[in-house]
Amino acid sequence: MWYWLFKYVLVGPVLWVLGRPKVEGLENIPTSGPVILASNHLAVVDSLYLPMMVPRRITFLAKSEYFTSPGLKGRFNKFFYSAAGQVPIDRSGGKASEGALISARRVLEEGKVLGLYPEGTRSPDGRLFKGKTGIARIALETGTPVIPVAMVGTDIMNPIGSKSYRPTKIVVRVGKPMDFSRYEGLGGSRFIERAITDEIMYSLMKLSGQEYVDIYAASLKDGPAKASPAEQAGSDRVPDTQAG
């Protein structure tokens, strides 16, 4: 109930005024059945405008910090993300990433729409960065089609490092479903998973018009000293999440 209340009553109307959003290619999203939406990630409001413009409910894998922060703000965040049906995951890597993959599979087994950001975090400079292969692993293991989605203008509304929101025109471009059934039985191969992920990122590059950079966004955003052990080691198995 809260998901639809936020979408149509509490948050949605404000977003419509600020962003005057439009969606292109909505017919590419099936009206039922499991599907993975793979989106670029420019700003926090991506996770608001994408659900608003897609009729079906989207479930994101949200970093656990959204649910465990202390204080009044932390309690509100936990309520908001829980009410919106988001699934908390631990992004520290190792066994934690396996738990995240299990959560993703469960969402798809229930016939829902799973939203993922292959870059793993927001772009630090507006460019499109290397995707993590968690999305390919999930697609292969579940046989679920992947639909690329490009968010355009959200970084202008909510610039990097700013907490302000500027009225602008938001566009959500939905690409055609990507079927990877030709790789059936090849799950677990890092070469295959990388090839699939790169194909998804290429589609996102064409849809968004962003410049592509073949490095992980987190390595540029945080630097080696702040990146997680998995990121410093170059691991790309940590599933792609609703990242900060």
C-alpha atoms as a PDB file:
ATOM      1  CA  MET A   1       0.000   0.000   0.000  1.00  0.00           C
ATOM      2  CA  TRP A   2       2.740   2.476   0.959  1.00  0.00           C
ATOM      3  CA  TYR A   3       4.503   1.967  -2.372  1.00  0.00           C
ATOM      4  CA  TRP A   4       1.495   3.194  -4.328  1.00  0.00           C
ATOM      5  CA  LEU A   5       0.751   5.926  -1.800  1.00  0.00           C
ATOM      6  CA  PHE A   6       4.263   7.328  -2.171  1.00  0.00           C
ATOM      7  CA  LYS A   7       4.081   6.988  -5.958  1.00  0.00           C
ATOM      8  CA  TYR A   8       0.716   8.624  -6.587  1.00  0.00           C
ATOM      9  CA  VAL A   9       0.011  10.829  -3.555  1.00  0.00           C
ATOM     10  CA  LEU A  10       2.957  11.723  -1.301  1.00  0.00           C
ATOM     11  CA  VAL A  11       5.972  11.958  -3.625  1.00  0.00           C
ATOM     12  CA  GLY A  12       4.833  11.464  -7.215  1.00  0.00           C
ATOM     13  CA  PRO A  13       3.002  14.793  -7.710  1.00  0.00           C
ATOM     14  CA  VAL A  14       6.042  16.773  -6.554  1.00  0.00           C
ATOM     15  CA  LEU A  15       8.303  14.822  -8.909  1.00  0.00           C
ATOM     16  CA  TRP A  16       5.959  15.513 -11.823  1.00  0.00           C
ATOM     17  CA  VAL A  17       6.167  19.257 -11.208  1.00  0.00           C
ATOM     18  CA  LEU A  18       9.959  19.258 -10.804  1.00  0.00           C
ATOM     19  CA  GLY A  19      10.859  16.929 -13.647  1.00  0.00           C
ATOM     20  CA  ARG A  20       8.014  17.026 -16.198  1.00  0.00           C
ATOM     21  CA  PRO A  21       9.051  13.424 -16.936  1.00  0.00           C
ATOM     22  CA  LYS A  22       8.333  11.410 -20.034  1.00  0.00           C
ATOM     23  CA  VAL A  23       9.041   7.786 -20.829  1.00  0.00           C
ATOM     24  CA  GLU A  24      10.062   6.317 -24.173  1.00  0.00           C
ATOM     25  CA  GLY A  25       9.786   2.632 -25.074  1.00  0.00           C
ATOM     26  CA  LEU A  26       7.476   1.667 -22.220  1.00  0.00           C
ATOM     27  CA  GLU A  27       5.980  -1.027 -24.462  1.00  0.00           C
ATOM     28  CA  ASN A  28       9.255  -2.954 -24.088  1.00  0.00           C
ATOM     29  CA  ILE A  29       8.427  -3.825 -20.463  1.00  0.00           C
ATOM     30  CA  PRO A  30       6.087  -6.848 -20.264  1.00  0.00           C
ATOM     31  CA  THR A  31       2.929  -6.440 -18.205  1.00  0.00           C
ATOM     32  CA  SER A  32       3.623  -9.609 -16.232  1.00  0.00           C
ATOM     33  CA  GLY A  33       6.370 -12.081 -15.424  1.00  0.00           C
ATOM     34  CA  PRO A  34       9.903 -11.639 -14.075  1.00  0.00           C
ATOM     35  CA  VAL A  35      12.159  -9.059 -15.671  1.00  0.00           C
ATOM     36  CA  ILE A  36      15.394  -7.267 -14.786  1.00  0.00           C
ATOM     37  CA  LEU A  37      15.607  -3.524 -15.407  1.00  0.00           C
ATOM     38  CA  ALA A  38      19.253  -2.496 -15.804  1.00  0.00           C
ATOM     39  CA  SER A  39      19.651   1.255 -15.429  1.00  0.00           C
ATOM     40  CA  ASN A  40      22.455   3.780 -15.510  1.00  0.00           C
ATOM     41  CA  HIS A  41      22.785   5.670 -12.230  1.00  0.00           C
ATOM     42  CA  LEU A  42      23.318   9.431 -12.230  1.00  0.00           C
ATOM     43  CA  ALA A  43      21.521  10.641  -9.088  1.00  0.00           C
ATOM     44  CA  VAL A  44      19.524   9.579  -6.042  1.00  0.00           C
ATOM     45  CA  VAL A  45      16.305  10.562  -7.823  1.00  0.00           C
ATOM     46  CA  ASP A  46      16.856   7.780 -10.387  1.00  0.00           C
ATOM     47  CA  SER A  47      15.290   5.467  -7.811  1.00  0.00           C
ATOM     48  CA  LEU A  48      12.252   7.734  -7.653  1.00  0.00           C
ATOM     49  CA  TYR A  49      11.651   8.573 -11.307  1.00  0.00           C
ATOM     50  CA  LEU A  50      12.162   5.045 -12.625  1.00  0.00           C
ATOM     51  CA  PRO A  51       9.435   3.508 -10.399  1.00  0.00           C
ATOM     52  CA  MET A  52       7.187   6.481 -11.088  1.00  0.00           C
ATOM     53  CA  MET A  53       7.320   6.036 -14.861  1.00  0.00           C
ATOM     54  CA  VAL A  54       6.969   2.240 -14.900  1.00  0.00           C
ATOM     55  CA  PRO A  55       3.429   0.943 -14.172  1.00  0.00           C
ATOM     56  CA  ARG A  56       4.684  -2.275 -12.561  1.00  0.00           C
ATOM     57  CA  ARG A  57       6.158  -2.233  -9.077  1.00  0.00           C
ATOM     58  CA  ILE A  58       9.967  -2.336  -9.040  1.00  0.00           C
ATOM     59  CA  THR A  59      11.982  -3.964  -6.281  1.00  0.00           C
ATOM     60  CA  PHE A  60      15.540  -2.735  -5.814  1.00  0.00           C
ATOM     61  CA  LEU A  61      18.274  -4.409  -3.828  1.00  0.00           C
ATOM     62  CA  ALA A  62      19.153  -1.593  -1.422  1.00  0.00           C
ATOM     63  CA  LYS A  63      22.371  -1.349   0.554  1.00  0.00           C
ATOM     64  CA  SER A  64      21.859  -2.369   4.169  1.00  0.00           C
ATOM     65  CA  GLU A  65      23.058   1.004   5.455  1.00  0.00           C
ATOM     66  CA  TYR A  66      19.706   2.462   4.431  1.00  0.00           C
ATOM     67  CA  PHE A  67      18.059   0.229   7.032  1.00  0.00           C
ATOM     68  CA  THR A  68      20.553   0.459   9.874  1.00  0.00           C
ATOM     69  CA  SER A  69      21.456   4.155  10.184  1.00  0.00           C
ATOM     70  CA  PRO A  70      20.982   5.583  13.693  1.00  0.00           C
ATOM     71  CA  GLY A  71      18.750   8.446  14.806  1.00  0.00           C
ATOM     72  CA  LEU A  72      15.480   9.868  13.554  1.00  0.00           C
ATOM     73  CA  LYS A  73      16.702  10.063   9.965  1.00  0.00           C
ATOM     74  CA  GLY A  74      17.771   6.430  10.138  1.00  0.00           C
ATOM     75  CA  ARG A  75      14.375   5.318  11.393  1.00  0.00           C
ATOM     76  CA  PHE A  76      12.640   7.281   8.649  1.00  0.00           C
ATOM     77  CA  ASN A  77      14.906   5.761   5.994  1.00  0.00           C
ATOM     78  CA  LYS A  78      14.187   2.259   7.271  1.00  0.00           C
ATOM     79  CA  PHE A  79      10.449   2.943   7.187  1.00  0.00           C
ATOM     80  CA  PHE A  80      10.573   4.486   3.727  1.00  0.00           C
ATOM     81  CA  TYR A  81      12.624   1.752   2.075  1.00  0.00           C
ATOM     82  CA  SER A  82      10.782  -1.059   3.849  1.00  0.00           C
ATOM     83  CA  ALA A  83       7.396   0.406   2.935  1.00  0.00           C
ATOM     84  CA  ALA A  84       8.537   0.717  -0.654  1.00  0.00           C
ATOM     85  CA  GLY A  85       9.356  -3.000  -0.702  1.00  0.00           C
ATOM     86  CA  GLN A  86      13.126  -2.621  -1.031  1.00  0.00           C
ATOM     87  CA  VAL A  87      15.342  -5.548  -0.064  1.00  0.00           C
ATOM     88  CA  PRO A  88      18.401  -4.802   2.132  1.00  0.00           C
ATOM     89  CA  ILE A  89      21.666  -6.487   1.191  1.00  0.00           C
ATOM     90  CA  ASP A  90      25.220  -6.519   2.515  1.00  0.00           C
ATOM     91  CA  ARG A  91      27.625  -5.253  -0.159  1.00  0.00           C
ATOM     92  CA  SER A  92      30.872  -6.151   1.609  1.00  0.00           C
ATOM     93  CA  GLY A  93      31.560  -9.027  -0.798  1.00  0.00           C
ATOM     94  CA  GLY A  94      32.379 -12.698  -0.193  1.00  0.00           C
ATOM     95  CA  LYS A  95      29.555 -14.676   1.389  1.00  0.00           C
ATOM     96  CA  ALA A  96      27.521 -11.481   1.708  1.00  0.00           C
ATOM     97  CA  SER A  97      27.293 -11.221  -2.074  1.00  0.00           C
ATOM     98  CA  GLU A  98      25.850 -14.752  -2.228  1.00  0.00           C
ATOM     99  CA  GLY A  99      23.067 -13.622   0.103  1.00  0.00           C
ATOM    100  CA  ALA A 100      22.340 -10.727  -2.221  1.00  0.00           C
ATOM    101  CA  LEU A 101      22.116 -13.069  -5.197  1.00  0.00           C
ATOM    102  CA  ILE A 102      19.684 -15.280  -3.300  1.00  0.00           C
ATOM    103  CA  SER A 103      17.513 -12.228  -2.584  1.00  0.00           C
ATOM    104  CA  ALA A 104      17.557 -11.271  -6.266  1.00  0.00           C
ATOM    105  CA  ARG A 105      16.569 -14.764  -7.362  1.00  0.00           C
ATOM    106  CA  ARG A 106      13.709 -14.800  -4.871  1.00  0.00           C
ATOM    107  CA  VAL A 107      12.306 -11.555  -6.289  1.00  0.00           C
ATOM    108  CA  LEU A 108      12.363 -12.956  -9.825  1.00  0.00           C
ATOM    109  CA  GLU A 109      10.937 -16.333  -8.811  1.00  0.00           C
ATOM    110  CA  GLU A 110       7.931 -14.415  -7.517  1.00  0.00           C
ATOM    111  CA  GLY A 111       7.419 -12.941 -10.999  1.00  0.00           C
ATOM    112  CA  LYS A 112       8.415  -9.412 -10.004  1.00  0.00           C
ATOM    113  CA  VAL A 113      10.439  -6.629 -11.603  1.00  0.00           C
ATOM    114  CA  LEU A 114      13.973  -6.374 -10.236  1.00  0.00           C
ATOM    115  CA  GLY A 115      15.759  -3.040 -10.620  1.00  0.00           C
ATOM    116  CA  LEU A 116      19.570  -3.089 -10.748  1.00  0.00           C
ATOM    117  CA  TYR A 117      22.307  -0.528 -11.348  1.00  0.00           C
ATOM    118  CA  PRO A 118      25.120  -2.462 -13.083  1.00  0.00           C
ATOM    119  CA  GLU A 119      27.668   0.251 -12.211  1.00  0.00           C
ATOM    120  CA  GLY A 120      27.096  -0.543  -8.527  1.00  0.00           C
ATOM    121  CA  THR A 121      27.021   3.112  -7.466  1.00  0.00           C
ATOM    122  CA  ARG A 122      26.178   6.551  -8.809  1.00  0.00           C
ATOM    123  CA  SER A 123      28.417   7.910 -11.526  1.00  0.00           C
ATOM    124  CA  PRO A 124      30.899  10.330  -9.956  1.00  0.00           C
ATOM    125  CA  ASP A 125      31.129  12.544 -13.040  1.00  0.00           C
ATOM    126  CA  GLY A 126      28.210  11.806 -15.364  1.00  0.00           C
ATOM    127  CA  ARG A 127      30.005   9.211 -17.463  1.00  0.00           C
ATOM    128  CA  LEU A 128      28.966   5.550 -17.757  1.00  0.00           C
ATOM    129  CA  PHE A 129      31.291   3.173 -15.922  1.00  0.00           C
ATOM    130  CA  LYS A 130      32.166  -0.528 -16.127  1.00  0.00           C
ATOM    131  CA  GLY A 131      29.378  -2.839 -15.020  1.00  0.00           C
ATOM    132  CA  LYS A 132      29.650  -5.503 -12.344  1.00  0.00           C
ATOM    133  CA  THR A 133      28.848  -9.018 -13.474  1.00  0.00           C
ATOM    134  CA  GLY A 134      26.312  -9.791 -10.762  1.00  0.00           C
ATOM    135  CA  ILE A 135      23.565  -8.841 -13.193  1.00  0.00           C
ATOM    136  CA  ALA A 136      24.792 -11.377 -15.749  1.00  0.00           C
ATOM    137  CA  ARG A 137      24.958 -14.120 -13.153  1.00  0.00           C
ATOM    138  CA  ILE A 138      21.391 -13.449 -12.050  1.00  0.00           C
ATOM    139  CA  ALA A 139      20.125 -13.344 -15.639  1.00  0.00           C
ATOM    140  CA  LEU A 140      21.824 -16.640 -16.495  1.00  0.00           C
ATOM    141  CA  GLU A 141      20.732 -18.474 -13.361  1.00  0.00           C
ATOM    142  CA  THR A 142      17.089 -17.399 -13.657  1.00  0.00           C
ATOM    143  CA  GLY A 143      16.691 -17.170 -17.442  1.00  0.00           C
ATOM    144  CA  THR A 144      15.251 -13.692 -16.981  1.00  0.00           C
ATOM    145  CA  PRO A 145      15.428 -11.120 -19.790  1.00  0.00           C
ATOM    146  CA  VAL A 146      17.289  -7.882 -19.110  1.00  0.00           C
ATOM    147  CA  ILE A 147      15.842  -4.555 -20.219  1.00  0.00           C
ATOM    148  CA  PRO A 148      18.242  -1.585 -20.389  1.00  0.00           C
ATOM    149  CA  VAL A 149      16.889   1.708 -19.081  1.00  0.00           C
ATOM    150  CA  ALA A 150      18.573   5.096 -19.481  1.00  0.00           C
ATOM    151  CA  MET A 151      17.859   7.914 -17.054  1.00  0.00           C
ATOM    152  CA  VAL A 152      18.452  11.320 -18.665  1.00  0.00           C
ATOM    153  CA  GLY A 153      18.504  14.644 -16.825  1.00  0.00           C
ATOM    154  CA  THR A 154      18.463  13.369 -13.252  1.00  0.00           C
ATOM    155  CA  ASP A 155      22.021  14.569 -12.677  1.00  0.00           C
ATOM    156  CA  ILE A 156      20.945  18.072 -13.709  1.00  0.00           C
ATOM    157  CA  MET A 157      18.059  18.009 -11.259  1.00  0.00           C
ATOM    158  CA  ASN A 158      20.199  16.635  -8.426  1.00  0.00           C
ATOM    159  CA  PRO A 159      23.871  17.464  -9.236  1.00  0.00           C
ATOM    160  CA  ILE A 160      26.655  15.361  -7.765  1.00  0.00           C
ATOM    161  CA  GLY A 161      27.514  16.555  -4.270  1.00  0.00           C
ATOM    162  CA  SER A 162      24.413  18.719  -3.991  1.00  0.00           C
ATOM    163  CA  LYS A 163      21.351  18.243  -1.815  1.00  0.00           C
ATOM    164  CA  SER A 164      19.305  20.737  -3.840  1.00  0.00           C
ATOM    165  CA  TYR A 165      16.819  19.898  -6.584  1.00  0.00           C
ATOM    166  CA  ARG A 166      16.566  21.971  -9.757  1.00  0.00           C
ATOM    167  CA  PRO A 167      13.509  21.802 -12.017  1.00  0.00           C
ATOM    168  CA  THR A 168      14.465  20.216 -15.340  1.00  0.00           C
ATOM    169  CA  LYS A 169      13.182  17.783 -17.961  1.00  0.00           C
ATOM    170  CA  ILE A 170      13.570  14.095 -17.050  1.00  0.00           C
ATOM    171  CA  VAL A 171      13.473  11.397 -19.717  1.00  0.00           C
ATOM    172  CA  VAL A 172      13.349   7.645 -19.090  1.00  0.00           C
ATOM    173  CA  ARG A 173      14.350   5.620 -22.166  1.00  0.00           C
ATOM    174  CA  VAL A 174      13.489   1.935 -22.148  1.00  0.00           C
ATOM    175  CA  GLY A 175      15.358  -0.312 -24.541  1.00  0.00           C
ATOM    176  CA  LYS A 176      14.342  -3.629 -26.039  1.00  0.00           C
ATOM    177  CA  PRO A 177      14.600  -6.808 -23.931  1.00  0.00           C
ATOM    178  CA  MET A 178      17.932  -8.590 -24.105  1.00  0.00           C
ATOM    179  CA  ASP A 179      17.734 -12.385 -24.267  1.00  0.00           C
ATOM    180  CA  PHE A 180      20.813 -14.307 -23.149  1.00  0.00           C
ATOM    181  CA  SER A 181      19.378 -17.809 -23.529  1.00  0.00           C
ATOM    182  CA  ARG A 182      22.153 -18.560 -26.044  1.00  0.00           C
ATOM    183  CA  TYR A 183      24.458 -18.785 -23.030  1.00  0.00           C
ATOM    184  CA  GLU A 184      22.299 -21.333 -21.222  1.00  0.00           C
ATOM    185  CA  GLY A 185      24.397 -23.750 -19.208  1.00  0.00           C
ATOM    186  CA  LEU A 186      27.428 -21.468 -19.206  1.00  0.00           C
ATOM    187  CA  GLY A 187      26.696 -19.736 -15.915  1.00  0.00           C
ATOM    188  CA  GLY A 188      29.676 -19.436 -13.622  1.00  0.00           C
ATOM    189  CA  SER A 189      32.097 -18.560 -16.410  1.00  0.00           C
ATOM    190  CA  ARG A 190      33.644 -15.181 -15.709  1.00  0.00           C
ATOM    191  CA  PHE A 191      34.311 -14.709 -19.430  1.00  0.00           C
ATOM    192  CA  ILE A 192      30.659 -15.269 -20.335  1.00  0.00           C
ATOM    193  CA  GLU A 193      29.399 -13.122 -17.460  1.00  0.00           C
ATOM    194  CA  ARG A 194      31.750 -10.312 -18.467  1.00  0.00           C
ATOM    195  CA  ALA A 195      30.651 -10.544 -22.116  1.00  0.00           C
ATOM    196  CA  ILE A 196      26.982 -10.319 -21.103  1.00  0.00           C
ATOM    197  CA  THR A 197      27.618  -7.407 -18.756  1.00  0.00           C
ATOM    198  CA  ASP A 198      29.576  -5.517 -21.403  1.00  0.00           C
ATOM    199  CA  GLU A 199      26.731  -6.060 -23.861  1.00  0.00           C
ATOM    200  CA  ILE A 200      24.292  -4.563 -21.348  1.00  0.00           C
ATOM    201  CA  MET A 201      26.586  -1.581 -20.735  1.00  0.00           C
ATOM    202  CA  TYR A 202      26.917  -1.000 -24.480  1.00  0.00           C
ATOM    203  CA  SER A 203      23.123  -0.849 -24.758  1.00  0.00           C
ATOM    204  CA  LEU A 204      23.012   1.628 -21.882  1.00  0.00           C
ATOM    205  CA  MET A 205      25.676   3.757 -23.571  1.00  0.00           C
ATOM    206  CA  LYS A 206      23.653   3.889 -26.799  1.00  0.00           C
ATOM    207  CA  LEU A 207      20.424   4.707 -24.943  1.00  0.00           C
ATOM    208  CA  SER A 208      21.860   7.357 -22.634  1.00  0.00           C
ATOM    209  CA  GLY A 209      24.424   8.974 -24.911  1.00  0.00           C
ATOM    210  CA  GLN A 210      26.964   8.881 -22.063  1.00  0.00           C
ATOM    211  CA  GLU A 211      30.682   8.489 -22.560  1.00  0.00           C
ATOM    212  CA  TYR A 212      31.776   5.010 -21.454  1.00  0.00           C
ATOM    213  CA  VAL A 213      34.763   4.479 -19.134  1.00  0.00           C
ATOM    214  CA  ASP A 214      36.185   0.968 -18.673  1.00  0.00           C
ATOM    215  CA  ILE A 215      36.860   1.236 -14.931  1.00  0.00           C
ATOM    216  CA  TYR A 216      34.618   0.718 -11.911  1.00  0.00           C
ATOM    217  CA  ALA A 217      32.896   3.882 -10.699  1.00  0.00           C
ATOM    218  CA  ALA A 218      33.675   3.093  -7.064  1.00  0.00           C
ATOM    219  CA  SER A 219      37.419   3.094  -7.737  1.00  0.00           C
ATOM    220  CA  LEU A 220      37.210   6.675  -8.996  1.00  0.00           C
ATOM    221  CA  LYS A 221      34.541   7.833  -6.574  1.00  0.00           C
ATOM    222  CA  ASP A 222      36.129   6.583  -3.353  1.00  0.00           C
ATOM    223  CA  GLY A 223      39.771   5.997  -4.219  1.00  0.00           C
ATOM    224  CA  PRO A 224      41.775   2.890  -3.187  1.00  0.00           C
ATOM    225  CA  ALA A 225      41.800   3.908   0.477  1.00  0.00           C
ATOM    226  CA  LYS A 226      38.052   4.047   0.763  1.00  0.00           C
ATOM    227  CA  ALA A 227      36.940   1.357  -1.640  1.00  0.00           C
ATOM    228  CA  SER A 228      35.697  -1.908  -0.148  1.00  0.00           C
ATOM    229  CA  PRO A 229      38.037  -4.950  -0.182  1.00  0.00           C
ATOM    230  CA  ALA A 230      35.958  -6.452  -2.997  1.00  0.00           C
ATOM    231  CA  GLU A 231      36.240  -3.277  -5.057  1.00  0.00           C
ATOM    232  CA  GLN A 232      39.979  -2.911  -4.406  1.00  0.00           C
ATOM    233  CA  ALA A 233      40.486  -6.495  -5.551  1.00  0.00           C
ATOM    234  CA  GLY A 234      38.503  -5.823  -8.708  1.00  0.00           C
ATOM    235  CA  SER A 235      35.720  -8.212  -7.724  1.00  0.00           C
ATOM    236  CA  ASP A 236      32.584  -7.691  -9.764  1.00  0.00           C
ATOM    237  CA  ARG A 237      30.425 -10.428  -8.277  1.00  0.00           C
ATOM    238  CA  VAL A 238      28.810  -8.143  -5.693  1.00  0.00           C
ATOM    239  CA  PRO A 239      25.293  -7.653  -7.108  1.00  0.00           C
ATOM    240  CA  ASP A 240      24.349  -4.311  -8.530  1.00  0.00           C
ATOM    241  CA  THR A 241      22.223  -2.354  -6.097  1.00  0.00           C
ATOM    242  CA  GLN A 242      20.308   0.756  -5.333  1.00  0.00           C
ATOM    243  CA  ALA A 243      23.515   2.409  -4.321  1.00  0.00           C
ATOM    244  CA  GLY A 244      24.292   5.701  -2.734  1.00  0.00           C
END
